[in-house]
Amino acid sequence: MAGGLQLAGGLQLAGGLQLAGGLQLAGGLQLAGVLQLAGGLQLAGGLQLAGVLQLAGVLQLAGVLQLAGVLQLAGVLQLAGVL
């Protein structure tokens, strides 16, 4: 994900985001100013991280992420084998 990717409604994926088997977040990930993952981890709002990452009941990242298949953001964006 070079150069950064901006997705609907102010979702920004910037820098070293790696999804491959496991989940690695580096270089900083910002979701609508609500979730910030950057070396440390900051969680706020309707976010749950307990083996399962749930964003507003819309995005579910569980174990290997549910990226083997399709990742859906707010029913607006579908990333299938893209990340």
PDB file of N, CA and C in Angstrom:
ATOM      1  N   MET A   1       0.846  -1.183   0.000  1.00  0.00           N
ATOM      2  CA  MET A   1       0.000   0.000   0.000  1.00  0.00           C
ATOM      3  C   MET A   1       0.884   1.237   0.000  1.00  0.00           C
ATOM      4  N   ALA A   2       1.485   1.511  -1.109  1.00  0.00           N
ATOM      5  CA  ALA A   2       2.457   2.599  -1.181  1.00  0.00           C
ATOM      6  C   ALA A   2       1.767   3.935  -1.385  1.00  0.00           C
ATOM      7  N   GLY A   3       2.304   4.947  -0.749  1.00  0.00           N
ATOM      8  CA  GLY A   3       1.783   6.296  -0.951  1.00  0.00           C
ATOM      9  C   GLY A   3       0.552   6.592  -0.129  1.00  0.00           C
ATOM     10  N   GLY A   4      -0.072   5.567   0.405  1.00  0.00           N
ATOM     11  CA  GLY A   4      -1.259   5.775   1.232  1.00  0.00           C
ATOM     12  C   GLY A   4      -2.537   5.607   0.422  1.00  0.00           C
ATOM     13  N   LEU A   5      -3.563   5.133   1.079  1.00  0.00           N
ATOM     14  CA  LEU A   5      -4.840   4.855   0.428  1.00  0.00           C
ATOM     15  C   LEU A   5      -5.942   5.531   1.218  1.00  0.00           C
ATOM     16  N   GLN A   6      -6.795   6.261   0.522  1.00  0.00           N
ATOM     17  CA  GLN A   6      -7.902   6.924   1.206  1.00  0.00           C
ATOM     18  C   GLN A   6      -9.217   6.319   0.737  1.00  0.00           C
ATOM     19  N   LEU A   7     -10.001   5.905   1.708  1.00  0.00           N
ATOM     20  CA  LEU A   7     -11.250   5.223   1.421  1.00  0.00           C
ATOM     21  C   LEU A   7     -12.407   5.990   2.054  1.00  0.00           C
ATOM     22  N   ALA A   8     -13.523   5.982   1.375  1.00  0.00           N
ATOM     23  CA  ALA A   8     -14.787   6.625   1.769  1.00  0.00           C
ATOM     24  C   ALA A   8     -14.901   7.069   3.220  1.00  0.00           C
ATOM     25  N   GLY A   9     -15.501   8.198   3.440  1.00  0.00           N
ATOM     26  CA  GLY A   9     -15.852   8.641   4.786  1.00  0.00           C
ATOM     27  C   GLY A   9     -14.645   8.893   5.674  1.00  0.00           C
ATOM     28  N   GLY A  10     -13.544   9.291   5.105  1.00  0.00           N
ATOM     29  CA  GLY A  10     -12.396   9.685   5.921  1.00  0.00           C
ATOM     30  C   GLY A  10     -11.608   8.531   6.491  1.00  0.00           C
ATOM     31  N   LEU A  11     -11.583   7.408   5.826  1.00  0.00           N
ATOM     32  CA  LEU A  11     -10.747   6.283   6.245  1.00  0.00           C
ATOM     33  C   LEU A  11      -9.419   6.368   5.520  1.00  0.00           C
ATOM     34  N   GLN A  12      -8.350   6.426   6.287  1.00  0.00           N
ATOM     35  CA  GLN A  12      -7.040   6.564   5.685  1.00  0.00           C
ATOM     36  C   GLN A  12      -6.124   5.419   6.101  1.00  0.00           C
ATOM     37  N   LEU A  13      -5.595   4.740   5.111  1.00  0.00           N
ATOM     38  CA  LEU A  13      -4.601   3.702   5.371  1.00  0.00           C
ATOM     39  C   LEU A  13      -3.279   4.209   4.840  1.00  0.00           C
ATOM     40  N   ALA A  14      -2.340   4.456   5.740  1.00  0.00           N
ATOM     41  CA  ALA A  14      -1.092   5.079   5.321  1.00  0.00           C
ATOM     42  C   ALA A  14       0.092   4.219   5.690  1.00  0.00           C
ATOM     43  N   GLY A  15       1.075   4.158   4.828  1.00  0.00           N
ATOM     44  CA  GLY A  15       2.336   3.507   5.139  1.00  0.00           C
ATOM     45  C   GLY A  15       2.227   2.020   5.380  1.00  0.00           C
ATOM     46  N   GLY A  16       3.115   1.496   6.169  1.00  0.00           N
ATOM     47  CA  GLY A  16       3.372   0.043   6.261  1.00  0.00           C
ATOM     48  C   GLY A  16       2.248  -0.768   6.856  1.00  0.00           C
ATOM     49  N   LEU A  17       1.201  -0.905   6.172  1.00  0.00           N
ATOM     50  CA  LEU A  17       0.137  -1.819   6.590  1.00  0.00           C
ATOM     51  C   LEU A  17       0.311  -3.125   5.837  1.00  0.00           C
ATOM     52  N   GLN A  18       0.515  -4.213   6.580  1.00  0.00           N
ATOM     53  CA  GLN A  18       0.769  -5.498   5.949  1.00  0.00           C
ATOM     54  C   GLN A  18      -0.249  -6.517   6.427  1.00  0.00           C
ATOM     55  N   LEU A  19      -0.966  -7.095   5.499  1.00  0.00           N
ATOM     56  CA  LEU A  19      -1.907  -8.152   5.828  1.00  0.00           C
ATOM     57  C   LEU A  19      -1.481  -9.409   5.080  1.00  0.00           C
ATOM     58  N   ALA A  20      -0.940 -10.357   5.825  1.00  0.00           N
ATOM     59  CA  ALA A  20      -0.473 -11.585   5.180  1.00  0.00           C
ATOM     60  C   ALA A  20      -0.392 -12.681   6.218  1.00  0.00           C
ATOM     61  N   GLY A  21      -1.384 -13.535   6.262  1.00  0.00           N
ATOM     62  CA  GLY A  21      -1.426 -14.581   7.282  1.00  0.00           C
ATOM     63  C   GLY A  21      -1.801 -13.986   8.625  1.00  0.00           C
ATOM     64  N   GLY A  22      -0.861 -13.280   9.236  1.00  0.00           N
ATOM     65  CA  GLY A  22      -1.148 -12.524  10.454  1.00  0.00           C
ATOM     66  C   GLY A  22      -1.428 -11.091  10.095  1.00  0.00           C
ATOM     67  N   LEU A  23      -1.559 -10.245  11.099  1.00  0.00           N
ATOM     68  CA  LEU A  23      -1.830  -8.828  10.884  1.00  0.00           C
ATOM     69  C   LEU A  23      -0.694  -8.010  11.465  1.00  0.00           C
ATOM     70  N   GLN A  24      -0.116  -7.175  10.650  1.00  0.00           N
ATOM     71  CA  GLN A  24       0.957  -6.298  11.098  1.00  0.00           C
ATOM     72  C   GLN A  24       0.616  -4.864  10.751  1.00  0.00           C
ATOM     73  N   LEU A  25       0.633  -4.030  11.753  1.00  0.00           N
ATOM     74  CA  LEU A  25       0.339  -2.618  11.540  1.00  0.00           C
ATOM     75  C   LEU A  25       1.566  -1.807  11.908  1.00  0.00           C
ATOM     76  N   ALA A  26       2.117  -1.091  10.949  1.00  0.00           N
ATOM     77  CA  ALA A  26       3.308  -0.288  11.209  1.00  0.00           C
ATOM     78  C   ALA A  26       3.252   0.969  10.361  1.00  0.00           C
ATOM     79  N   GLY A  27       3.926   2.004  10.791  1.00  0.00           N
ATOM     80  CA  GLY A  27       3.939   3.251  10.036  1.00  0.00           C
ATOM     81  C   GLY A  27       2.706   4.088  10.285  1.00  0.00           C
ATOM     82  N   GLY A  28       1.690   3.506  10.910  1.00  0.00           N
ATOM     83  CA  GLY A  28       0.515   4.278  11.318  1.00  0.00           C
ATOM     84  C   GLY A  28      -0.718   3.975  10.494  1.00  0.00           C
ATOM     85  N   LEU A  29      -1.814   3.664  11.170  1.00  0.00           N
ATOM     86  CA  LEU A  29      -3.106   3.413  10.533  1.00  0.00           C
ATOM     87  C   LEU A  29      -4.137   4.302  11.207  1.00  0.00           C
ATOM     88  N   GLN A  30      -4.827   5.093  10.431  1.00  0.00           N
ATOM     89  CA  GLN A  30      -5.839   5.989  10.985  1.00  0.00           C
ATOM     90  C   GLN A  30      -7.191   5.710  10.352  1.00  0.00           C
ATOM     91  N   LEU A  31      -8.165   5.461  11.195  1.00  0.00           N
ATOM     92  CA  LEU A  31      -9.520   5.228  10.706  1.00  0.00           C
ATOM     93  C   LEU A  31     -10.415   6.356  11.210  1.00  0.00           C
ATOM     94  N   ALA A  32     -10.760   7.256  10.332  1.00  0.00           N
ATOM     95  CA  ALA A  32     -11.733   8.317  10.620  1.00  0.00           C
ATOM     96  C   ALA A  32     -11.433   9.040  11.923  1.00  0.00           C
ATOM     97  N   GLY A  33     -10.166   9.182  12.254  1.00  0.00           N
ATOM     98  CA  GLY A  33      -9.784   9.866  13.490  1.00  0.00           C
ATOM     99  C   GLY A  33     -10.238   9.160  14.741  1.00  0.00           C
ATOM    100  N   VAL A  34     -10.752   7.953  14.589  1.00  0.00           N
ATOM    101  CA  VAL A  34     -11.283   7.228  15.746  1.00  0.00           C
ATOM    102  C   VAL A  34     -10.293   6.184  16.222  1.00  0.00           C
ATOM    103  N   LEU A  35      -9.748   5.444  15.298  1.00  0.00           N
ATOM    104  CA  LEU A  35      -8.812   4.377  15.639  1.00  0.00           C
ATOM    105  C   LEU A  35      -7.421   4.742  15.144  1.00  0.00           C
ATOM    106  N   GLN A  36      -6.478   4.700  16.049  1.00  0.00           N
ATOM    107  CA  GLN A  36      -5.111   4.974  15.643  1.00  0.00           C
ATOM    108  C   GLN A  36      -4.208   3.821  16.065  1.00  0.00           C
ATOM    109  N   LEU A  37      -3.606   3.177  15.079  1.00  0.00           N
ATOM    110  CA  LEU A  37      -2.643   2.117  15.351  1.00  0.00           C
ATOM    111  C   LEU A  37      -1.302   2.576  14.812  1.00  0.00           C
ATOM    112  N   ALA A  38      -0.361   2.820  15.694  1.00  0.00           N
ATOM    113  CA  ALA A  38       0.938   3.309  15.250  1.00  0.00           C
ATOM    114  C   ALA A  38       1.984   2.958  16.285  1.00  0.00           C
ATOM    115  N   GLY A  39       2.578   1.805  16.149  1.00  0.00           N
ATOM    116  CA  GLY A  39       3.524   1.347  17.153  1.00  0.00           C
ATOM    117  C   GLY A  39       2.779   1.019  18.425  1.00  0.00           C
ATOM    118  N   GLY A  40       2.271   2.049  19.099  1.00  0.00           N
ATOM    119  CA  GLY A  40       1.354   1.834  20.211  1.00  0.00           C
ATOM    120  C   GLY A  40      -0.053   1.628  19.667  1.00  0.00           C
ATOM    121  N   LEU A  41      -0.994   1.421  20.546  1.00  0.00           N
ATOM    122  CA  LEU A  41      -2.363   1.145  20.123  1.00  0.00           C
ATOM    123  C   LEU A  41      -3.326   2.035  20.892  1.00  0.00           C
ATOM    124  N   GLN A  42      -4.112   2.783  20.153  1.00  0.00           N
ATOM    125  CA  GLN A  42      -5.125   3.622  20.771  1.00  0.00           C
ATOM    126  C   GLN A  42      -6.499   3.232  20.229  1.00  0.00           C
ATOM    127  N   LEU A  43      -7.397   2.927  21.138  1.00  0.00           N
ATOM    128  CA  LEU A  43      -8.727   2.500  20.727  1.00  0.00           C
ATOM    129  C   LEU A  43      -9.768   3.427  21.344  1.00  0.00           C
ATOM    130  N   ALA A  44     -10.694   3.913  20.513  1.00  0.00           N
ATOM    131  CA  ALA A  44     -11.726   4.812  21.011  1.00  0.00           C
ATOM    132  C   ALA A  44     -13.025   4.589  20.256  1.00  0.00           C
ATOM    133  N   GLY A  45     -14.129   4.926  20.871  1.00  0.00           N
ATOM    134  CA  GLY A  45     -15.424   4.814  20.204  1.00  0.00           C
ATOM    135  C   GLY A  45     -15.909   3.382  20.123  1.00  0.00           C
ATOM    136  N   GLY A  46     -16.652   3.076  19.072  1.00  0.00           N
ATOM    137  CA  GLY A  46     -17.286   1.765  18.940  1.00  0.00           C
ATOM    138  C   GLY A  46     -16.317   0.704  18.463  1.00  0.00           C
ATOM    139  N   LEU A  47     -15.211   0.574  19.159  1.00  0.00           N
ATOM    140  CA  LEU A  47     -14.160  -0.329  18.704  1.00  0.00           C
ATOM    141  C   LEU A  47     -13.881  -1.389  19.753  1.00  0.00           C
ATOM    142  N   GLN A  48     -13.773  -2.618  19.320  1.00  0.00           N
ATOM    143  CA  GLN A  48     -13.487  -3.711  20.231  1.00  0.00           C
ATOM    144  C   GLN A  48     -12.304  -4.503  19.712  1.00  0.00           C
ATOM    145  N   LEU A  49     -11.308  -4.713  20.584  1.00  0.00           N
ATOM    146  CA  LEU A  49     -10.155  -5.517  20.182  1.00  0.00           C
ATOM    147  C   LEU A  49      -9.945  -6.598  21.227  1.00  0.00           C
ATOM    148  N   ALA A  50     -10.404  -7.803  20.919  1.00  0.00           N
ATOM    149  CA  ALA A  50     -10.256  -8.930  21.845  1.00  0.00           C
ATOM    150  C   ALA A  50     -10.232 -10.198  21.021  1.00  0.00           C
ATOM    151  N   GLY A  51      -9.170 -10.375  20.258  1.00  0.00           N
ATOM    152  CA  GLY A  51      -9.153 -11.478  19.302  1.00  0.00           C
ATOM    153  C   GLY A  51      -9.944 -11.107  18.071  1.00  0.00           C
ATOM    154  N   VAL A  52     -10.946 -10.274  18.279  1.00  0.00           N
ATOM    155  CA  VAL A  52     -11.793  -9.811  17.179  1.00  0.00           C
ATOM    156  C   VAL A  52     -11.849  -8.288  17.188  1.00  0.00           C
ATOM    157  N   LEU A  53     -11.550  -7.685  16.048  1.00  0.00           N
ATOM    158  CA  LEU A  53     -11.601  -6.222  15.920  1.00  0.00           C
ATOM    159  C   LEU A  53     -12.896  -5.852  15.215  1.00  0.00           C
ATOM    160  N   GLN A  54     -13.731  -5.113  15.900  1.00  0.00           N
ATOM    161  CA  GLN A  54     -15.024  -4.737  15.336  1.00  0.00           C
ATOM    162  C   GLN A  54     -15.136  -3.219  15.296  1.00  0.00           C
ATOM    163  N   LEU A  55     -15.386  -2.689  14.123  1.00  0.00           N
ATOM    164  CA  LEU A  55     -15.568  -1.251  13.955  1.00  0.00           C
ATOM    165  C   LEU A  55     -17.032  -0.961  13.656  1.00  0.00           C
ATOM    166  N   ALA A  56     -17.717  -0.386  14.624  1.00  0.00           N
ATOM    167  CA  ALA A  56     -19.109   0.029  14.453  1.00  0.00           C
ATOM    168  C   ALA A  56     -19.968  -1.109  13.921  1.00  0.00           C
ATOM    169  N   GLY A  57     -19.614  -2.352  14.253  1.00  0.00           N
ATOM    170  CA  GLY A  57     -20.389  -3.514  13.808  1.00  0.00           C
ATOM    171  C   GLY A  57     -20.336  -3.707  12.313  1.00  0.00           C
ATOM    172  N   VAL A  58     -19.403  -3.009  11.650  1.00  0.00           N
ATOM    173  CA  VAL A  58     -19.354  -3.065  10.193  1.00  0.00           C
ATOM    174  C   VAL A  58     -18.180  -3.895   9.707  1.00  0.00           C
ATOM    175  N   LEU A  59     -17.036  -3.612  10.283  1.00  0.00           N
ATOM    176  CA  LEU A  59     -15.808  -4.283   9.853  1.00  0.00           C
ATOM    177  C   LEU A  59     -15.385  -5.288  10.910  1.00  0.00           C
ATOM    178  N   GLN A  60     -15.148  -6.516  10.512  1.00  0.00           N
ATOM    179  CA  GLN A  60     -14.728  -7.535  11.454  1.00  0.00           C
ATOM    180  C   GLN A  60     -13.387  -8.121  11.034  1.00  0.00           C
ATOM    181  N   LEU A  61     -12.419  -8.005  11.940  1.00  0.00           N
ATOM    182  CA  LEU A  61     -11.115  -8.602  11.699  1.00  0.00           C
ATOM    183  C   LEU A  61     -10.906  -9.658  12.769  1.00  0.00           C
ATOM    184  N   ALA A  62     -10.924 -10.923  12.384  1.00  0.00           N
ATOM    185  CA  ALA A  62     -10.833 -11.992  13.368  1.00  0.00           C
ATOM    186  C   ALA A  62      -9.747 -12.966  12.977  1.00  0.00           C
ATOM    187  N   GLY A  63      -8.815 -13.193  13.860  1.00  0.00           N
ATOM    188  CA  GLY A  63      -7.763 -14.163  13.582  1.00  0.00           C
ATOM    189  C   GLY A  63      -6.960 -13.778  12.370  1.00  0.00           C
ATOM    190  N   VAL A  64      -7.177 -14.475  11.299  1.00  0.00           N
ATOM    191  CA  VAL A  64      -6.465 -14.189  10.048  1.00  0.00           C
ATOM    192  C   VAL A  64      -7.200 -13.109   9.275  1.00  0.00           C
ATOM    193  N   LEU A  65      -8.086 -12.396   9.939  1.00  0.00           N
ATOM    194  CA  LEU A  65      -8.623 -11.140   9.416  1.00  0.00           C
ATOM    195  C   LEU A  65      -9.897 -11.236   8.599  1.00  0.00           C
ATOM    196  N   GLN A  66     -10.306 -12.375   8.198  1.00  0.00           N
ATOM    197  CA  GLN A  66     -11.418 -12.464   7.259  1.00  0.00           C
ATOM    198  C   GLN A  66     -11.039 -11.803   5.944  1.00  0.00           C
ATOM    199  N   LEU A  67      -9.726 -11.726   5.686  1.00  0.00           N
ATOM    200  CA  LEU A  67      -9.272 -11.148   4.434  1.00  0.00           C
ATOM    201  C   LEU A  67      -9.103 -12.237   3.396  1.00  0.00           C
ATOM    202  N   ALA A  68      -9.033 -13.471   3.869  1.00  0.00           N
ATOM    203  CA  ALA A  68      -9.148 -14.595   2.944  1.00  0.00           C
ATOM    204  C   ALA A  68     -10.608 -14.637   2.546  1.00  0.00           C
ATOM    205  N   GLY A  69     -10.970 -13.935   1.560  1.00  0.00           N
ATOM    206  CA  GLY A  69     -12.357 -13.721   1.177  1.00  0.00           C
ATOM    207  C   GLY A  69     -12.557 -12.282   0.814  1.00  0.00           C
ATOM    208  N   VAL A  70     -13.325 -11.574   1.590  1.00  0.00           N
ATOM    209  CA  VAL A  70     -13.636 -10.183   1.269  1.00  0.00           C
ATOM    210  C   VAL A  70     -13.683  -9.346   2.530  1.00  0.00           C
ATOM    211  N   LEU A  71     -13.030  -8.204   2.482  1.00  0.00           N
ATOM    212  CA  LEU A  71     -13.079  -7.228   3.571  1.00  0.00           C
ATOM    213  C   LEU A  71     -14.040  -6.117   3.165  1.00  0.00           C
ATOM    214  N   GLN A  72     -15.059  -5.906   3.968  1.00  0.00           N
ATOM    215  CA  GLN A  72     -16.087  -4.933   3.642  1.00  0.00           C
ATOM    216  C   GLN A  72     -16.078  -3.789   4.637  1.00  0.00           C
ATOM    217  N   LEU A  73     -16.005  -2.577   4.134  1.00  0.00           N
ATOM    218  CA  LEU A  73     -16.030  -1.392   4.976  1.00  0.00           C
ATOM    219  C   LEU A  73     -17.326  -0.620   4.746  1.00  0.00           C
ATOM    220  N   ALA A  74     -18.168  -0.611   5.764  1.00  0.00           N
ATOM    221  CA  ALA A  74     -19.396   0.186   5.753  1.00  0.00           C
ATOM    222  C   ALA A  74     -20.272  -0.114   4.544  1.00  0.00           C
ATOM    223  N   GLY A  75     -20.165  -1.298   4.006  1.00  0.00           N
ATOM    224  CA  GLY A  75     -20.985  -1.676   2.859  1.00  0.00           C
ATOM    225  C   GLY A  75     -20.706  -0.815   1.643  1.00  0.00           C
ATOM    226  N   VAL A  76     -19.649  -0.011   1.723  1.00  0.00           N
ATOM    227  CA  VAL A  76     -19.350   0.906   0.630  1.00  0.00           C
ATOM    228  C   VAL A  76     -18.189   0.384  -0.193  1.00  0.00           C
ATOM    229  N   LEU A  77     -17.220  -0.162   0.488  1.00  0.00           N
ATOM    230  CA  LEU A  77     -15.976  -0.549  -0.159  1.00  0.00           C
ATOM    231  C   LEU A  77     -15.723  -2.041   0.024  1.00  0.00           C
ATOM    232  N   GLN A  78     -15.339  -2.712  -1.028  1.00  0.00           N
ATOM    233  CA  GLN A  78     -15.010  -4.114  -0.942  1.00  0.00           C
ATOM    234  C   GLN A  78     -13.593  -4.333  -1.439  1.00  0.00           C
ATOM    235  N   LEU A  79     -12.754  -4.863  -0.547  1.00  0.00           N
ATOM    236  CA  LEU A  79     -11.392  -5.166  -0.931  1.00  0.00           C
ATOM    237  C   LEU A  79     -11.217  -6.678  -0.910  1.00  0.00           C
ATOM    238  N   ALA A  80     -11.080  -7.278  -2.067  1.00  0.00           N
ATOM    239  CA  ALA A  80     -10.940  -8.724  -2.156  1.00  0.00           C
ATOM    240  C   ALA A  80      -9.559  -9.050  -2.693  1.00  0.00           C
ATOM    241  N   GLY A  81      -8.690  -9.531  -1.836  1.00  0.00           N
ATOM    242  CA  GLY A  81      -7.347  -9.868  -2.259  1.00  0.00           C
ATOM    243  C   GLY A  81      -6.590  -8.655  -2.760  1.00  0.00           C
ATOM    244  N   VAL A  82      -6.976  -7.477  -2.298  1.00  0.00           N
ATOM    245  CA  VAL A  82      -6.347  -6.245  -2.780  1.00  0.00           C
ATOM    246  C   VAL A  82      -5.253  -5.805  -1.832  1.00  0.00           C
ATOM    247  N   LEU A  83      -5.531  -5.861  -0.517  1.00  0.00           N
ATOM    248  CA  LEU A  83      -4.547  -5.413   0.477  1.00  0.00           C
ATOM    249  C   LEU A  83      -3.369  -6.377   0.497  1.00  0.00           C
TER     250      LEU A  83
END
